[in-house]
């Protein structure tokens, strides 16, 4: 009579639906690589991720191929944030139903990275008081993006499985967390990202395990018209603006990033690929921070506030 769920990716979304009816038999959940709000993933910043969505759907084997086209048409008809999407939108009322141990597995270069962290945050901070602040999470470098393993230290991606199994067993009550063999795995375990050269490996490229994520200090970087980015606000002598011409017939391609890999239905390379060919385009504006001889640690969410004008009736901006 005690049932536990384990779901990854699309099956992870199904796992997130399980608590909707507050089943008495549900005693623990391990949820992998899936978002709290589906709309934010498919319509990132209001922009439809057509390549990701439709290539994946067309790659699925279904008895009736028309189902795929019907699904795509439904997405097109609900490009705006309509009530259609509410079936996969976790809110405070949902999180209050959580009364059992839970754990999550995310990836920094996973296409659902933000959504998985958001779901964990809700399970951890808004659940029933009996389990609040006990939800666990592991964040590896890549999540779905297995093709990006070459950019990290050997075995850092394949070896993640041991951490995941230990944390899943603890969530399901198979291991006692006080036992020595898993005592070092705390509630928040993640890979510290850095470059894979000598400078990077001396500062990062390792696993760490903490009771909670580090506190972060919001820090503003100001973009200046001279192509610099600094924590110092621009002065009257700094060029105030910069311009570029955007041509929709020659769009900027996606090189790497948080994409679904080809091995599981994607069509755009994923991971930390070199962006120099994009940075040199005339329709890209790049702002550089000054070189530093010391480590720069970045943690917490990222936001960009743009002050822009356009001579067109409709313009898209991407950061």
Protein backbone atom coordinates (compact mmCIF):
# COMPACT_ATOMS: atom_id res chain seq x y z
CA UNK A 1 0.00 0.00 0.00
CA UNK A 2 3.02 2.33 -0.08
CA UNK A 3 3.83 3.56 -3.58
CA UNK A 4 6.72 5.71 -4.77
CA UNK A 5 7.06 7.39 -8.17
CA UNK A 6 10.10 7.96 -10.36
CA UNK A 7 9.65 9.97 -13.54
CA UNK A 8 12.05 11.65 -15.96
CA UNK A 9 11.39 14.25 -18.68
CA UNK A 10 7.92 13.62 -20.17
CA UNK A 11 7.32 10.97 -17.49
CA UNK A 12 8.47 13.53 -14.95
CA UNK A 13 5.58 15.75 -16.01
CA UNK A 14 3.30 12.79 -15.34
CA UNK A 15 4.88 12.45 -11.88
CA UNK A 16 4.11 16.11 -11.21
CA UNK A 17 0.46 15.42 -12.02
CA UNK A 18 0.23 12.54 -9.52
CA UNK A 19 -0.24 14.74 -6.39
CA UNK A 20 -3.22 16.56 -7.93
CA UNK A 21 -5.72 14.23 -6.21
CA UNK A 22 -3.74 13.89 -2.94
CA UNK A 23 -3.54 10.06 -3.14
CA UNK A 24 -3.14 8.42 0.26
CA UNK A 25 -0.87 5.71 -1.15
CA UNK A 26 1.79 8.14 -2.43
CA UNK A 27 4.75 8.00 -0.02
CA UNK A 28 7.63 9.54 -1.97
CA UNK A 29 8.63 11.05 -5.33
CA UNK A 30 11.85 11.36 -7.31
CA UNK A 31 11.37 13.76 -10.23
CA UNK A 32 13.89 14.25 -13.03
CA UNK A 33 14.41 16.96 -15.69
CA UNK A 34 10.92 18.42 -16.01
CA UNK A 35 9.41 21.89 -15.57
CA UNK A 36 6.91 23.34 -13.13
CA UNK A 37 5.26 25.44 -15.85
CA UNK A 38 5.05 23.99 -19.36
CA UNK A 39 4.25 27.27 -21.10
CA UNK A 40 7.50 28.89 -19.98
CA UNK A 41 9.44 26.05 -21.60
CA UNK A 42 7.63 25.88 -24.94
CA UNK A 43 7.10 29.65 -25.22
CA UNK A 44 10.33 30.91 -23.70
CA UNK A 45 9.98 34.66 -23.13
CA UNK A 46 6.89 34.54 -25.33
CA UNK A 47 8.83 33.03 -28.24
CA UNK A 48 7.68 29.66 -29.57
CA UNK A 49 10.55 27.14 -29.56
CA UNK A 50 9.31 25.56 -32.78
CA UNK A 51 12.41 23.51 -33.59
CA UNK A 52 12.56 21.92 -30.14
CA UNK A 53 8.85 21.18 -29.89
CA UNK A 54 8.03 19.98 -33.38
CA UNK A 55 11.18 17.96 -34.08
CA UNK A 56 10.63 16.08 -30.82
CA UNK A 57 6.96 15.41 -31.56
CA UNK A 58 7.72 14.23 -35.10
CA UNK A 59 10.33 11.87 -33.66
CA UNK A 60 7.80 10.06 -31.48
CA UNK A 61 6.35 6.83 -32.83
CA UNK A 62 2.57 6.93 -32.54
CA UNK A 63 -0.07 4.55 -33.93
CA UNK A 64 -1.80 7.52 -35.56
CA UNK A 65 0.63 10.11 -37.02
CA UNK A 66 -2.21 12.64 -37.26
CA UNK A 67 -2.13 12.92 -33.47
CA UNK A 68 1.24 14.71 -33.74
CA UNK A 69 -0.08 17.25 -36.23
CA UNK A 70 -3.18 17.78 -34.09
CA UNK A 71 -0.97 18.44 -31.05
CA UNK A 72 1.16 20.92 -32.98
CA UNK A 73 -1.95 22.72 -34.20
CA UNK A 74 -3.20 22.91 -30.60
CA UNK A 75 0.09 24.53 -29.54
CA UNK A 76 -0.19 27.05 -32.40
CA UNK A 77 -3.74 27.93 -31.35
CA UNK A 78 -2.57 28.51 -27.78
CA UNK A 79 0.52 30.59 -28.48
CA UNK A 80 -0.89 33.15 -26.07
CA UNK A 81 -0.99 32.11 -22.44
CA UNK A 82 -4.49 30.62 -22.59
CA UNK A 83 -6.22 28.42 -19.94
CA UNK A 84 -5.08 25.39 -22.00
CA UNK A 85 -1.70 25.51 -20.25
CA UNK A 86 -2.98 25.50 -16.68
CA UNK A 87 -2.98 21.71 -16.49
CA UNK A 88 0.81 21.88 -16.02
CA UNK A 89 1.24 25.00 -13.91
CA UNK A 90 2.20 24.30 -10.32
CA UNK A 91 1.01 26.91 -7.81
CA UNK A 92 0.79 27.40 -4.05
CA UNK A 93 -2.38 25.30 -3.75
CA UNK A 94 -0.62 22.45 -5.54
CA UNK A 95 2.51 22.58 -3.38
CA UNK A 96 0.42 22.52 -0.20
CA UNK A 97 -0.70 18.99 -1.16
CA UNK A 98 2.87 17.62 -0.88
CA UNK A 99 3.07 15.56 2.33
CA UNK A 100 5.78 13.01 1.47
CA UNK A 101 9.56 12.95 0.88
CA UNK A 102 10.66 14.28 -2.50
CA UNK A 103 13.81 14.83 -4.50
CA UNK A 104 14.70 16.33 -7.86
CA UNK A 105 17.41 15.89 -10.47
CA UNK A 106 18.24 18.91 -12.66
CA UNK A 107 21.06 19.88 -15.05
CA UNK A 108 22.65 23.26 -15.71
CA UNK A 109 22.55 22.72 -19.50
CA UNK A 110 19.22 20.87 -19.43
CA UNK A 111 16.41 22.41 -21.47
CA UNK A 112 14.20 22.27 -18.36
CA UNK A 113 16.81 23.60 -15.93
CA UNK A 114 14.88 26.66 -14.72
CA UNK A 115 11.56 24.80 -14.56
CA UNK A 116 13.01 21.91 -12.53
CA UNK A 117 14.60 24.31 -10.04
CA UNK A 118 11.27 26.12 -9.79
CA UNK A 119 9.42 22.87 -9.05
CA UNK A 120 11.97 21.90 -6.38
CA UNK A 121 11.69 25.35 -4.79
CA UNK A 122 7.93 24.87 -4.49
CA UNK A 123 8.19 21.34 -3.06
CA UNK A 124 10.85 22.53 -0.63
CA UNK A 125 9.41 25.81 0.65
CA UNK A 126 5.63 25.65 0.07
CA UNK A 127 4.79 22.01 0.89
CA UNK A 128 2.98 20.72 3.97
CA UNK A 129 4.87 21.79 7.15
CA UNK A 130 5.58 18.13 7.94
CA UNK A 131 8.01 17.89 4.99
CA UNK A 132 8.88 21.52 4.33
CA UNK A 133 12.59 22.25 3.76
CA UNK A 134 13.38 18.55 3.34
CA UNK A 135 13.15 18.22 -0.46
CA UNK A 136 16.46 17.28 -2.04
CA UNK A 137 18.02 18.23 -5.37
CA UNK A 138 21.00 17.23 -7.48
CA UNK A 139 22.11 19.52 -10.32
CA UNK A 140 24.59 17.94 -12.72
CA UNK A 141 26.28 19.73 -15.63
CA UNK A 142 24.00 18.59 -18.45
CA UNK A 143 20.72 16.83 -17.64
CA UNK A 144 19.30 15.66 -20.99
CA UNK A 145 22.39 16.95 -22.83
CA UNK A 146 24.54 13.80 -22.75
CA UNK A 147 26.39 14.89 -25.90
CA UNK A 148 28.06 17.68 -23.88
CA UNK A 149 30.00 15.32 -21.60
CA UNK A 150 33.24 15.96 -23.50
CA UNK A 151 33.37 19.50 -22.12
CA UNK A 152 33.66 18.33 -18.51
CA UNK A 153 36.13 16.31 -16.53
CA UNK A 154 36.13 12.56 -17.34
CA UNK A 155 33.32 10.64 -15.64
CA UNK A 156 31.71 13.77 -14.14
CA UNK A 157 28.59 13.08 -16.22
CA UNK A 158 28.55 9.27 -16.22
CA UNK A 159 29.49 9.20 -12.55
CA UNK A 160 26.51 11.31 -11.56
CA UNK A 161 24.39 8.15 -11.47
CA UNK A 162 25.88 7.09 -8.13
CA UNK A 163 24.78 10.35 -6.51
CA UNK A 164 21.31 10.10 -8.01
CA UNK A 165 20.79 6.51 -6.85
CA UNK A 166 21.94 7.29 -3.32
CA UNK A 167 19.63 10.28 -3.08
CA UNK A 168 16.70 8.35 -4.60
CA UNK A 169 17.20 5.47 -2.15
CA UNK A 170 17.23 7.94 0.74
CA UNK A 171 14.01 9.56 -0.53
CA UNK A 172 12.32 6.16 -0.79
CA UNK A 173 13.47 5.14 2.71
CA UNK A 174 15.85 2.41 1.51
CA UNK A 175 18.90 4.08 3.07
CA UNK A 176 19.13 5.80 6.43
CA UNK A 177 20.69 9.24 5.78
CA UNK A 178 22.69 8.90 8.99
CA UNK A 179 24.55 5.89 7.64
CA UNK A 180 28.15 6.60 6.84
CA UNK A 181 28.11 5.69 3.14
CA UNK A 182 25.71 8.49 2.22
CA UNK A 183 26.30 10.92 5.04
CA UNK A 184 28.14 13.32 2.73
CA UNK A 185 25.16 13.75 0.40
CA UNK A 186 23.19 16.69 1.77
CA UNK A 187 19.90 18.17 0.56
CA UNK A 188 21.48 20.36 -2.15
CA UNK A 189 24.16 18.73 -4.30
CA UNK A 190 25.43 20.33 -7.49
CA UNK A 191 28.30 20.53 -9.92
CA UNK A 192 30.31 23.75 -9.74
CA UNK A 193 30.63 24.88 -13.35
CA UNK A 194 33.79 26.32 -14.86
CA UNK A 195 35.92 26.01 -17.98
CA UNK A 196 37.77 22.73 -18.53
CA UNK A 197 41.22 24.33 -18.91
CA UNK A 198 43.80 24.65 -16.15
CA UNK A 199 42.39 27.93 -14.84
CA UNK A 200 38.88 26.53 -14.78
CA UNK A 201 39.67 23.24 -13.09
CA UNK A 202 41.57 25.04 -10.33
CA UNK A 203 38.46 27.06 -9.52
CA UNK A 204 35.57 24.74 -10.38
CA UNK A 205 34.63 21.52 -12.17
CA UNK A 206 33.82 19.60 -8.98
CA UNK A 207 30.81 18.38 -7.00
CA UNK A 208 29.73 19.96 -3.74
CA UNK A 209 26.95 19.11 -1.27
CA UNK A 210 25.29 21.63 1.06
CA UNK A 211 22.23 21.91 3.26
CA UNK A 212 20.92 24.70 1.00
CA UNK A 213 22.01 26.81 -1.95
CA UNK A 214 24.48 29.59 -1.11
CA UNK A 215 23.01 32.99 -0.38
CA UNK A 216 23.63 35.35 -3.27
CA UNK A 217 24.15 39.11 -3.38
CA UNK A 218 22.32 40.75 -6.30
CA UNK A 219 24.94 42.54 -8.37
CA UNK A 220 24.26 44.89 -11.26
CA UNK A 221 26.47 45.07 -14.33
CA UNK A 222 25.91 48.14 -16.49
CA UNK A 223 26.22 47.93 -20.28
CA UNK A 224 27.90 50.93 -21.89
CA UNK A 225 27.99 52.16 -25.45
CA UNK A 226 31.72 51.50 -25.62
CA UNK A 227 31.12 47.72 -25.40
CA UNK A 228 32.03 47.29 -21.75
CA UNK A 229 30.11 45.84 -18.82
CA UNK A 230 31.02 46.96 -15.33
CA UNK A 231 29.64 47.15 -11.81
CA UNK A 232 30.27 50.90 -12.03
CA UNK A 233 27.37 52.88 -13.43
CA UNK A 234 28.17 54.76 -16.63
CA UNK A 235 29.37 58.36 -16.38
CA UNK A 236 28.57 61.33 -18.58
CA UNK A 237 31.77 60.69 -20.56
CA UNK A 238 30.77 57.08 -21.44
CA UNK A 239 29.11 56.57 -24.84
CA UNK A 240 25.42 56.37 -24.02
CA UNK A 241 24.17 53.92 -26.64
CA UNK A 242 25.01 51.51 -29.42
CA UNK A 243 23.09 50.47 -32.52
CA UNK A 244 22.74 47.51 -34.84
CA UNK A 245 20.57 46.39 -37.74
CA UNK A 246 18.38 43.33 -37.31
CA UNK A 247 17.47 41.35 -40.43
CA UNK A 248 14.80 38.65 -39.88
CA UNK A 249 15.78 37.00 -43.16
CA UNK A 250 19.23 36.27 -41.70
CA UNK A 251 18.46 35.13 -38.14
CA UNK A 252 21.13 34.48 -35.55
CA UNK A 253 21.57 30.69 -35.24
CA UNK A 254 21.56 28.81 -31.96
CA UNK A 255 24.96 27.31 -31.15
CA UNK A 256 24.75 24.94 -28.22
CA UNK A 257 22.92 25.87 -25.05
CA UNK A 258 20.05 24.26 -23.17
CA UNK A 259 18.70 22.11 -25.99
CA UNK A 260 17.34 18.60 -26.41
CA UNK A 261 20.15 16.44 -27.87
CA UNK A 262 19.83 14.49 -31.11
CA UNK A 263 20.00 11.15 -29.30
CA UNK A 264 16.56 11.71 -27.79
CA UNK A 265 14.69 13.61 -30.47
CA UNK A 266 16.40 16.99 -30.63
CA UNK A 267 18.02 18.60 -33.64
CA UNK A 268 20.16 21.44 -32.23
CA UNK A 269 23.55 20.71 -30.60
CA UNK A 270 23.54 21.24 -26.84
CA UNK A 271 26.09 22.22 -24.24
CA UNK A 272 28.73 24.97 -23.89
CA UNK A 273 29.76 25.51 -27.52
CA UNK A 274 32.06 28.29 -28.76
CA UNK A 275 30.07 31.44 -29.59
CA UNK A 276 32.83 33.40 -31.40
CA UNK A 277 31.24 33.03 -34.83
CA UNK A 278 28.03 34.58 -33.50
CA UNK A 279 29.74 37.27 -31.44
CA UNK A 280 31.45 38.63 -34.56
CA UNK A 281 28.17 39.22 -36.43
CA UNK A 282 27.23 42.82 -37.16
CA UNK A 283 23.76 42.32 -35.64
CA UNK A 284 25.14 41.21 -32.27
CA UNK A 285 26.17 43.65 -29.56
CA UNK A 286 28.69 42.22 -27.09
CA UNK A 287 29.62 43.78 -23.76
CA UNK A 288 32.85 42.60 -22.14
CA UNK A 289 33.85 42.71 -18.49
CA UNK A 290 37.44 43.60 -17.70
CA UNK A 291 39.93 40.77 -17.39
CA UNK A 292 40.45 39.55 -13.83
CA UNK A 293 43.29 37.65 -12.22
CA UNK A 294 41.04 36.42 -9.41
CA UNK A 295 38.10 34.02 -9.40
CA UNK A 296 34.65 35.41 -10.15
CA UNK A 297 31.88 33.35 -8.54
CA UNK A 298 28.37 33.69 -9.94
CA UNK A 299 25.32 32.14 -8.30
CA UNK A 300 21.62 32.92 -8.30
CA UNK A 301 19.21 33.96 -11.06
CA UNK A 302 20.13 36.16 -14.04
CA UNK A 303 18.00 39.01 -15.37
CA UNK A 304 18.56 41.64 -18.06
CA UNK A 305 16.85 45.04 -18.13
CA UNK A 306 17.06 46.64 -21.56
CA UNK A 307 16.53 50.26 -22.54
CA UNK A 308 15.89 50.11 -26.27
CA UNK A 309 14.21 51.82 -29.18
CA UNK A 310 13.41 50.53 -32.65
CA UNK A 311 12.31 52.02 -35.96
CA UNK A 312 10.05 49.00 -36.62
CA UNK A 313 6.53 48.36 -35.36
CA UNK A 314 7.56 45.00 -33.87
CA UNK A 315 11.02 43.94 -32.67
CA UNK A 316 12.35 40.97 -30.76
CA UNK A 317 15.37 41.17 -28.45
CA UNK A 318 17.37 38.20 -27.20
CA UNK A 319 19.89 38.18 -24.37
